[in-house]
């Protein structure tokens, strides 16, 4: 039987341990499952790609970075909500 050592951030290890425990697994079993699935699929057993954002979200990000199409500042939360409800 071989051993596999992986270096990773303590927080990632803790989060992974908690996630796998909630699924009834330990981290070693989850890693074994990943490796078996990779072998059976002849590669990574899930799609690896850049996350795509909708055109509207991309435009909102661009607007916020360029400080375009912004409203406010508002004097109160009620004023902000009223502005959001205007059409």
PDB file of N, CA and C in Angstrom:
ATOM      1  N   UNK A   1       0.860  -1.170   0.000  1.00  0.00           N
ATOM      2  CA  UNK A   1       0.000   0.000   0.000  1.00  0.00           C
ATOM      3  C   UNK A   1       0.901   1.226   0.000  1.00  0.00           C
ATOM      4  N   UNK A   2       0.593   2.206  -0.854  1.00  0.00           N
ATOM      5  CA  UNK A   2       1.387   3.428  -0.974  1.00  0.00           C
ATOM      6  C   UNK A   2       0.768   4.548  -0.143  1.00  0.00           C
ATOM      7  N   UNK A   3       1.601   5.508   0.217  1.00  0.00           N
ATOM      8  CA  UNK A   3       1.146   6.705   0.916  1.00  0.00           C
ATOM      9  C   UNK A   3       1.241   7.898  -0.025  1.00  0.00           C
ATOM     10  N   UNK A   4       0.346   8.856   0.142  1.00  0.00           N
ATOM     11  CA  UNK A   4       0.333  10.074  -0.650  1.00  0.00           C
ATOM     12  C   UNK A   4       0.324  11.250   0.311  1.00  0.00           C
ATOM     13  N   UNK A   5       1.295  12.157   0.181  1.00  0.00           N
ATOM     14  CA  UNK A   5       1.326  13.345   1.021  1.00  0.00           C
ATOM     15  C   UNK A   5       0.966  14.544   0.163  1.00  0.00           C
ATOM     16  N   UNK A   6       0.111  15.405   0.707  1.00  0.00           N
ATOM     17  CA  UNK A   6      -0.317  16.609   0.005  1.00  0.00           C
ATOM     18  C   UNK A   6      -0.173  17.785   0.957  1.00  0.00           C
ATOM     19  N   UNK A   7       0.462  18.846   0.496  1.00  0.00           N
ATOM     20  CA  UNK A   7       0.570  20.060   1.305  1.00  0.00           C
ATOM     21  C   UNK A   7      -0.563  20.995   0.918  1.00  0.00           C
ATOM     22  N   UNK A   8      -1.277  21.486   1.939  1.00  0.00           N
ATOM     23  CA  UNK A   8      -2.331  22.451   1.689  1.00  0.00           C
ATOM     24  C   UNK A   8      -2.563  23.300   2.920  1.00  0.00           C
ATOM     25  N   UNK A   9      -3.247  24.383   2.705  1.00  0.00           N
ATOM     26  CA  UNK A   9      -3.578  25.333   3.744  1.00  0.00           C
ATOM     27  C   UNK A   9      -4.401  24.653   4.836  1.00  0.00           C
ATOM     28  N   UNK A  10      -4.110  24.983   6.104  1.00  0.00           N
ATOM     29  CA  UNK A  10      -4.840  24.379   7.229  1.00  0.00           C
ATOM     30  C   UNK A  10      -6.345  24.599   7.124  1.00  0.00           C
ATOM     31  N   UNK A  11      -6.747  25.780   6.674  1.00  0.00           N
ATOM     32  CA  UNK A  11      -8.173  26.094   6.567  1.00  0.00           C
ATOM     33  C   UNK A  11      -8.852  25.209   5.524  1.00  0.00           C
ATOM     34  N   UNK A  12      -8.185  24.988   4.401  1.00  0.00           N
ATOM     35  CA  UNK A  12      -8.748  24.110   3.368  1.00  0.00           C
ATOM     36  C   UNK A  12      -8.899  22.695   3.916  1.00  0.00           C
ATOM     37  N   UNK A  13      -7.882  22.220   4.635  1.00  0.00           N
ATOM     38  CA  UNK A  13      -7.952  20.869   5.220  1.00  0.00           C
ATOM     39  C   UNK A  13      -9.116  20.755   6.186  1.00  0.00           C
ATOM     40  N   UNK A  14      -9.266  21.756   7.052  1.00  0.00           N
ATOM     41  CA  UNK A  14     -10.363  21.738   8.032  1.00  0.00           C
ATOM     42  C   UNK A  14     -11.715  21.740   7.338  1.00  0.00           C
ATOM     43  N   UNK A  15     -11.880  22.618   6.341  1.00  0.00           N
ATOM     44  CA  UNK A  15     -13.153  22.686   5.614  1.00  0.00           C
ATOM     45  C   UNK A  15     -13.448  21.382   4.888  1.00  0.00           C
ATOM     46  N   UNK A  16     -12.425  20.799   4.269  1.00  0.00           N
ATOM     47  CA  UNK A  16     -12.615  19.529   3.561  1.00  0.00           C
ATOM     48  C   UNK A  16     -12.988  18.424   4.541  1.00  0.00           C
ATOM     49  N   UNK A  17     -12.286  18.367   5.679  1.00  0.00           N
ATOM     50  CA  UNK A  17     -12.603  17.355   6.687  1.00  0.00           C
ATOM     51  C   UNK A  17     -14.056  17.464   7.141  1.00  0.00           C
ATOM     52  N   UNK A  18     -14.505  18.693   7.402  1.00  0.00           N
ATOM     53  CA  UNK A  18     -15.894  18.907   7.843  1.00  0.00           C
ATOM     54  C   UNK A  18     -16.889  18.518   6.759  1.00  0.00           C
ATOM     55  N   UNK A  19     -16.596  18.902   5.520  1.00  0.00           N
ATOM     56  CA  UNK A  19     -17.494  18.564   4.409  1.00  0.00           C
ATOM     57  C   UNK A  19     -17.607  17.057   4.251  1.00  0.00           C
ATOM     58  N   UNK A  20     -16.463  16.378   4.185  1.00  0.00           N
ATOM     59  CA  UNK A  20     -16.491  14.937   3.970  1.00  0.00           C
ATOM     60  C   UNK A  20     -17.122  14.205   5.147  1.00  0.00           C
ATOM     61  N   UNK A  21     -16.875  14.686   6.361  1.00  0.00           N
ATOM     62  CA  UNK A  21     -17.508  14.071   7.538  1.00  0.00           C
ATOM     63  C   UNK A  21     -19.022  14.199   7.452  1.00  0.00           C
ATOM     64  N   UNK A  22     -19.498  15.338   6.945  1.00  0.00           N
ATOM     65  CA  UNK A  22     -20.955  15.524   6.810  1.00  0.00           C
ATOM     66  C   UNK A  22     -21.545  14.564   5.778  1.00  0.00           C
ATOM     67  N   UNK A  23     -20.693  14.038   4.909  1.00  0.00           N
ATOM     68  CA  UNK A  23     -21.116  13.061   3.899  1.00  0.00           C
ATOM     69  C   UNK A  23     -20.827  11.626   4.345  1.00  0.00           C
ATOM     70  N   UNK A  24     -20.339  11.485   5.580  1.00  0.00           N
ATOM     71  CA  UNK A  24     -20.044  10.148   6.107  1.00  0.00           C
ATOM     72  C   UNK A  24     -18.716   9.589   5.633  1.00  0.00           C
ATOM     73  N   UNK A  25     -17.803  10.466   5.202  1.00  0.00           N
ATOM     74  CA  UNK A  25     -16.506  10.034   4.687  1.00  0.00           C
ATOM     75  C   UNK A  25     -15.387  10.671   5.487  1.00  0.00           C
ATOM     76  N   UNK A  26     -14.226  10.041   5.457  1.00  0.00           N
ATOM     77  CA  UNK A  26     -13.050  10.754   5.923  1.00  0.00           C
ATOM     78  C   UNK A  26     -12.337  11.293   4.679  1.00  0.00           C
ATOM     79  N   UNK A  27     -11.386  12.186   4.885  1.00  0.00           N
ATOM     80  CA  UNK A  27     -10.727  12.835   3.748  1.00  0.00           C
ATOM     81  C   UNK A  27      -9.939  11.832   2.912  1.00  0.00           C
ATOM     82  N   UNK A  28      -9.305  10.852   3.546  1.00  0.00           N
ATOM     83  CA  UNK A  28      -8.557   9.834   2.792  1.00  0.00           C
ATOM     84  C   UNK A  28      -9.476   9.068   1.842  1.00  0.00           C
ATOM     85  N   UNK A  29     -10.657   8.711   2.315  1.00  0.00           N
ATOM     86  CA  UNK A  29     -11.610   7.997   1.459  1.00  0.00           C
ATOM     87  C   UNK A  29     -12.065   8.877   0.310  1.00  0.00           C
ATOM     88  N   UNK A  30     -12.325  10.160   0.583  1.00  0.00           N
ATOM     89  CA  UNK A  30     -12.749  11.087  -0.471  1.00  0.00           C
ATOM     90  C   UNK A  30     -11.657  11.236  -1.532  1.00  0.00           C
ATOM     91  N   UNK A  31     -10.402  11.308  -1.115  1.00  0.00           N
ATOM     92  CA  UNK A  31      -9.295  11.414  -2.079  1.00  0.00           C
ATOM     93  C   UNK A  31      -9.195  10.140  -2.899  1.00  0.00           C
ATOM     94  N   UNK A  32      -9.328   8.977  -2.247  1.00  0.00           N
ATOM     95  CA  UNK A  32      -9.323   7.706  -2.987  1.00  0.00           C
ATOM     96  C   UNK A  32     -10.453   7.673  -4.017  1.00  0.00           C
ATOM     97  N   UNK A  33     -11.636   8.147  -3.623  1.00  0.00           N
ATOM     98  CA  UNK A  33     -12.777   8.170  -4.546  1.00  0.00           C
ATOM     99  C   UNK A  33     -12.469   9.056  -5.751  1.00  0.00           C
ATOM    100  N   UNK A  34     -11.845  10.214  -5.506  1.00  0.00           N
ATOM    101  CA  UNK A  34     -11.460  11.110  -6.602  1.00  0.00           C
ATOM    102  C   UNK A  34     -10.493  10.399  -7.551  1.00  0.00           C
ATOM    103  N   UNK A  35      -9.467   9.752  -6.998  1.00  0.00           N
ATOM    104  CA  UNK A  35      -8.464   9.092  -7.833  1.00  0.00           C
ATOM    105  C   UNK A  35      -9.071   7.956  -8.653  1.00  0.00           C
ATOM    106  N   UNK A  36      -9.934   7.167  -8.041  1.00  0.00           N
ATOM    107  CA  UNK A  36     -10.597   6.077  -8.776  1.00  0.00           C
ATOM    108  C   UNK A  36     -11.471   6.653  -9.890  1.00  0.00           C
ATOM    109  N   UNK A  37     -12.218   7.705  -9.592  1.00  0.00           N
ATOM    110  CA  UNK A  37     -13.064   8.327 -10.613  1.00  0.00           C
ATOM    111  C   UNK A  37     -12.216   8.900 -11.747  1.00  0.00           C
ATOM    112  N   UNK A  38     -11.064   9.481 -11.426  1.00  0.00           N
ATOM    113  CA  UNK A  38     -10.171  10.016 -12.463  1.00  0.00           C
ATOM    114  C   UNK A  38      -9.675   8.900 -13.375  1.00  0.00           C
ATOM    115  N   UNK A  39      -9.304   7.763 -12.780  1.00  0.00           N
ATOM    116  CA  UNK A  39      -8.843   6.626 -13.577  1.00  0.00           C
ATOM    117  C   UNK A  39      -9.969   6.117 -14.469  1.00  0.00           C
ATOM    118  N   UNK A  40     -11.163   5.959 -13.910  1.00  0.00           N
ATOM    119  CA  UNK A  40     -12.300   5.454 -14.685  1.00  0.00           C
ATOM    120  C   UNK A  40     -12.697   6.407 -15.807  1.00  0.00           C
ATOM    121  N   UNK A  41     -12.531   7.726 -15.595  1.00  0.00           N
ATOM    122  CA  UNK A  41     -12.887   8.720 -16.609  1.00  0.00           C
ATOM    123  C   UNK A  41     -11.740   9.040 -17.551  1.00  0.00           C
ATOM    124  N   UNK A  42     -10.563   8.548 -17.260  1.00  0.00           N
ATOM    125  CA  UNK A  42      -9.410   8.856 -18.106  1.00  0.00           C
ATOM    126  C   UNK A  42      -8.996  10.311 -17.986  1.00  0.00           C
ATOM    127  N   UNK A  43      -9.276  10.933 -16.870  1.00  0.00           N
ATOM    128  CA  UNK A  43      -8.935  12.338 -16.652  1.00  0.00           C
ATOM    129  C   UNK A  43      -9.653  12.861 -15.424  1.00  0.00           C
ATOM    130  N   UNK A  44      -9.596  14.161 -15.246  1.00  0.00           N
ATOM    131  CA  UNK A  44     -10.278  14.787 -14.116  1.00  0.00           C
ATOM    132  C   UNK A  44     -11.770  14.470 -14.234  1.00  0.00           C
ATOM    133  N   UNK A  45     -12.407  13.986 -13.164  1.00  0.00           N
ATOM    134  CA  UNK A  45     -13.801  13.525 -13.271  1.00  0.00           C
ATOM    135  C   UNK A  45     -14.844  14.641 -13.186  1.00  0.00           C
ATOM    136  N   UNK A  46     -14.433  15.857 -13.474  1.00  0.00           N
ATOM    137  CA  UNK A  46     -15.378  16.972 -13.543  1.00  0.00           C
ATOM    138  C   UNK A  46     -14.804  18.008 -14.489  1.00  0.00           C
ATOM    139  N   UNK A  47     -15.670  18.874 -14.979  1.00  0.00           N
ATOM    140  CA  UNK A  47     -15.259  19.888 -15.940  1.00  0.00           C
ATOM    141  C   UNK A  47     -14.434  20.967 -15.245  1.00  0.00           C
ATOM    142  N   UNK A  48     -13.337  21.338 -15.855  1.00  0.00           N
ATOM    143  CA  UNK A  48     -12.521  22.440 -15.355  1.00  0.00           C
ATOM    144  C   UNK A  48     -12.617  23.554 -16.381  1.00  0.00           C
ATOM    145  N   UNK A  49     -13.139  24.680 -15.942  1.00  0.00           N
ATOM    146  CA  UNK A  49     -13.336  25.805 -16.861  1.00  0.00           C
ATOM    147  C   UNK A  49     -13.394  27.089 -16.067  1.00  0.00           C
ATOM    148  N   UNK A  50     -13.277  28.179 -16.780  1.00  0.00           N
ATOM    149  CA  UNK A  50     -13.458  29.477 -16.144  1.00  0.00           C
ATOM    150  C   UNK A  50     -14.934  29.669 -15.840  1.00  0.00           C
ATOM    151  N   UNK A  51     -15.207  30.245 -14.695  1.00  0.00           N
ATOM    152  CA  UNK A  51     -16.594  30.554 -14.344  1.00  0.00           C
ATOM    153  C   UNK A  51     -17.079  31.667 -15.263  1.00  0.00           C
ATOM    154  N   UNK A  52     -18.237  31.470 -15.853  1.00  0.00           N
ATOM    155  CA  UNK A  52     -18.780  32.490 -16.738  1.00  0.00           C
ATOM    156  C   UNK A  52     -19.893  33.238 -16.022  1.00  0.00           C
ATOM    157  N   UNK A  53     -19.897  34.523 -16.209  1.00  0.00           N
ATOM    158  CA  UNK A  53     -20.914  35.380 -15.612  1.00  0.00           C
ATOM    159  C   UNK A  53     -21.850  35.862 -16.704  1.00  0.00           C
ATOM    160  N   UNK A  54     -23.097  36.079 -16.351  1.00  0.00           N
ATOM    161  CA  UNK A  54     -24.053  36.582 -17.332  1.00  0.00           C
ATOM    162  C   UNK A  54     -23.613  37.960 -17.803  1.00  0.00           C
ATOM    163  N   UNK A  55     -24.102  38.337 -18.956  1.00  0.00           N
ATOM    164  CA  UNK A  55     -23.755  39.652 -19.519  1.00  0.00           C
ATOM    165  C   UNK A  55     -24.160  40.779 -18.568  1.00  0.00           C
ATOM    166  N   UNK A  56     -25.309  40.640 -17.920  1.00  0.00           N
ATOM    167  CA  UNK A  56     -25.772  41.657 -16.982  1.00  0.00           C
ATOM    168  C   UNK A  56     -24.839  41.814 -15.788  1.00  0.00           C
ATOM    169  N   UNK A  57     -24.364  40.674 -15.263  1.00  0.00           N
ATOM    170  CA  UNK A  57     -23.440  40.727 -14.128  1.00  0.00           C
ATOM    171  C   UNK A  57     -22.105  41.319 -14.569  1.00  0.00           C
ATOM    172  N   UNK A  58     -21.625  40.912 -15.756  1.00  0.00           N
ATOM    173  CA  UNK A  58     -20.377  41.480 -16.266  1.00  0.00           C
ATOM    174  C   UNK A  58     -20.489  42.992 -16.429  1.00  0.00           C
ATOM    175  N   UNK A  59     -21.648  43.456 -16.928  1.00  0.00           N
ATOM    176  CA  UNK A  59     -21.858  44.899 -17.102  1.00  0.00           C
ATOM    177  C   UNK A  59     -21.897  45.597 -15.749  1.00  0.00           C
ATOM    178  N   UNK A  60     -22.547  44.999 -14.761  1.00  0.00           N
ATOM    179  CA  UNK A  60     -22.619  45.595 -13.427  1.00  0.00           C
ATOM    180  C   UNK A  60     -21.229  45.702 -12.802  1.00  0.00           C
ATOM    181  N   UNK A  61     -20.403  44.687 -12.993  1.00  0.00           N
ATOM    182  CA  UNK A  61     -19.035  44.725 -12.471  1.00  0.00           C
ATOM    183  C   UNK A  61     -18.251  45.831 -13.163  1.00  0.00           C
ATOM    184  N   UNK A  62     -18.375  45.896 -14.471  1.00  0.00           N
ATOM    185  CA  UNK A  62     -17.693  46.946 -15.225  1.00  0.00           C
ATOM    186  C   UNK A  62     -18.158  48.328 -14.781  1.00  0.00           C
ATOM    187  N   UNK A  63     -19.468  48.494 -14.614  1.00  0.00           N
ATOM    188  CA  UNK A  63     -20.008  49.789 -14.174  1.00  0.00           C
ATOM    189  C   UNK A  63     -19.463  50.175 -12.805  1.00  0.00           C
ATOM    190  N   UNK A  64     -19.414  49.216 -11.886  1.00  0.00           N
ATOM    191  CA  UNK A  64     -18.934  49.544 -10.541  1.00  0.00           C
ATOM    192  C   UNK A  64     -17.453  49.894 -10.563  1.00  0.00           C
ATOM    193  N   UNK A  65     -16.681  49.206 -11.381  1.00  0.00           N
ATOM    194  CA  UNK A  65     -15.246  49.515 -11.477  1.00  0.00           C
ATOM    195  C   UNK A  65     -15.013  50.879 -12.116  1.00  0.00           C
ATOM    196  N   UNK A  66     -15.865  51.226 -13.055  1.00  0.00           N
ATOM    197  CA  UNK A  66     -15.724  52.506 -13.763  1.00  0.00           C
ATOM    198  C   UNK A  66     -16.579  53.618 -13.155  1.00  0.00           C
ATOM    199  N   UNK A  67     -17.249  53.291 -12.061  1.00  0.00           N
ATOM    200  CA  UNK A  67     -18.141  54.237 -11.387  1.00  0.00           C
ATOM    201  C   UNK A  67     -19.160  54.827 -12.368  1.00  0.00           C
ATOM    202  N   UNK A  68     -19.743  53.979 -13.173  1.00  0.00           N
ATOM    203  CA  UNK A  68     -20.746  54.375 -14.162  1.00  0.00           C
ATOM    204  C   UNK A  68     -22.104  53.817 -13.757  1.00  0.00           C
ATOM    205  N   UNK A  69     -23.159  54.520 -14.145  1.00  0.00           N
ATOM    206  CA  UNK A  69     -24.530  54.084 -13.896  1.00  0.00           C
ATOM    207  C   UNK A  69     -24.795  53.813 -12.414  1.00  0.00           C
ATOM    208  N   UNK A  70     -24.174  54.603 -11.572  1.00  0.00           N
ATOM    209  CA  UNK A  70     -24.367  54.449 -10.131  1.00  0.00           C
ATOM    210  C   UNK A  70     -25.406  55.454  -9.650  1.00  0.00           C
ATOM    211  N   UNK A  71     -26.111  55.099  -8.607  1.00  0.00           N
ATOM    212  CA  UNK A  71     -27.086  55.989  -7.992  1.00  0.00           C
ATOM    213  C   UNK A  71     -26.666  56.244  -6.554  1.00  0.00           C
ATOM    214  N   UNK A  72     -27.200  57.314  -5.987  1.00  0.00           N
ATOM    215  CA  UNK A  72     -26.898  57.595  -4.586  1.00  0.00           C
ATOM    216  C   UNK A  72     -25.853  58.676  -4.482  1.00  0.00           C
ATOM    217  N   UNK A  73     -25.372  58.989  -3.318  1.00  0.00           N
ATOM    218  CA  UNK A  73     -25.673  58.341  -2.052  1.00  0.00           C
ATOM    219  C   UNK A  73     -27.079  58.677  -1.564  1.00  0.00           C
ATOM    220  N   UNK A  74     -27.583  57.847  -0.685  1.00  0.00           N
ATOM    221  CA  UNK A  74     -28.920  58.020  -0.144  1.00  0.00           C
ATOM    222  C   UNK A  74     -28.823  58.458   1.315  1.00  0.00           C
ATOM    223  N   UNK A  75     -29.832  59.196   1.764  1.00  0.00           N
ATOM    224  CA  UNK A  75     -29.842  59.671   3.149  1.00  0.00           C
ATOM    225  C   UNK A  75     -30.405  58.642   4.116  1.00  0.00           C
ATOM    226  N   UNK A  76     -31.088  57.614   3.567  1.00  0.00           N
ATOM    227  CA  UNK A  76     -31.659  56.588   4.436  1.00  0.00           C
ATOM    228  C   UNK A  76     -31.839  55.298   3.643  1.00  0.00           C
ATOM    229  N   UNK A  77     -32.047  54.215   4.370  1.00  0.00           N
ATOM    230  CA  UNK A  77     -32.308  52.934   3.723  1.00  0.00           C
ATOM    231  C   UNK A  77     -33.615  52.985   2.945  1.00  0.00           C
ATOM    232  N   UNK A  78     -34.590  53.689   3.517  1.00  0.00           N
ATOM    233  CA  UNK A  78     -35.884  53.800   2.837  1.00  0.00           C
ATOM    234  C   UNK A  78     -35.723  54.494   1.484  1.00  0.00           C
ATOM    235  N   UNK A  79     -34.886  55.521   1.433  1.00  0.00           N
ATOM    236  CA  UNK A  79     -34.647  56.242   0.180  1.00  0.00           C
ATOM    237  C   UNK A  79     -33.960  55.323  -0.840  1.00  0.00           C
ATOM    238  N   UNK A  80     -33.033  54.508  -0.385  1.00  0.00           N
ATOM    239  CA  UNK A  80     -32.342  53.565  -1.284  1.00  0.00           C
ATOM    240  C   UNK A  80     -33.325  52.532  -1.820  1.00  0.00           C
ATOM    241  N   UNK A  81     -34.165  51.984  -0.946  1.00  0.00           N
ATOM    242  CA  UNK A  81     -35.137  50.984  -1.384  1.00  0.00           C
ATOM    243  C   UNK A  81     -36.119  51.601  -2.368  1.00  0.00           C
ATOM    244  N   UNK A  82     -36.561  52.805  -2.098  1.00  0.00           N
ATOM    245  CA  UNK A  82     -37.487  53.483  -3.011  1.00  0.00           C
ATOM    246  C   UNK A  82     -36.848  53.672  -4.379  1.00  0.00           C
ATOM    247  N   UNK A  83     -35.569  53.998  -4.424  1.00  0.00           N
ATOM    248  CA  UNK A  83     -34.874  54.157  -5.703  1.00  0.00           C
ATOM    249  C   UNK A  83     -34.784  52.825  -6.445  1.00  0.00           C
ATOM    250  N   UNK A  84     -34.583  51.732  -5.713  1.00  0.00           N
ATOM    251  CA  UNK A  84     -34.517  50.411  -6.341  1.00  0.00           C
ATOM    252  C   UNK A  84     -35.850  50.006  -6.940  1.00  0.00           C
ATOM    253  N   UNK A  85     -36.947  50.457  -6.319  1.00  0.00           N
ATOM    254  CA  UNK A  85     -38.278  50.065  -6.771  1.00  0.00           C
ATOM    255  C   UNK A  85     -38.774  50.926  -7.932  1.00  0.00           C
ATOM    256  N   UNK A  86     -38.091  52.058  -8.167  1.00  0.00           N
ATOM    257  CA  UNK A  86     -38.484  52.908  -9.299  1.00  0.00           C
ATOM    258  C   UNK A  86     -38.164  52.195 -10.604  1.00  0.00           C
ATOM    259  N   UNK A  87     -39.019  52.417 -11.554  1.00  0.00           N
ATOM    260  CA  UNK A  87     -38.752  51.809 -12.868  1.00  0.00           C
ATOM    261  C   UNK A  87     -38.803  52.812 -13.943  1.00  0.00           C
TER     262      UNK A  87
END
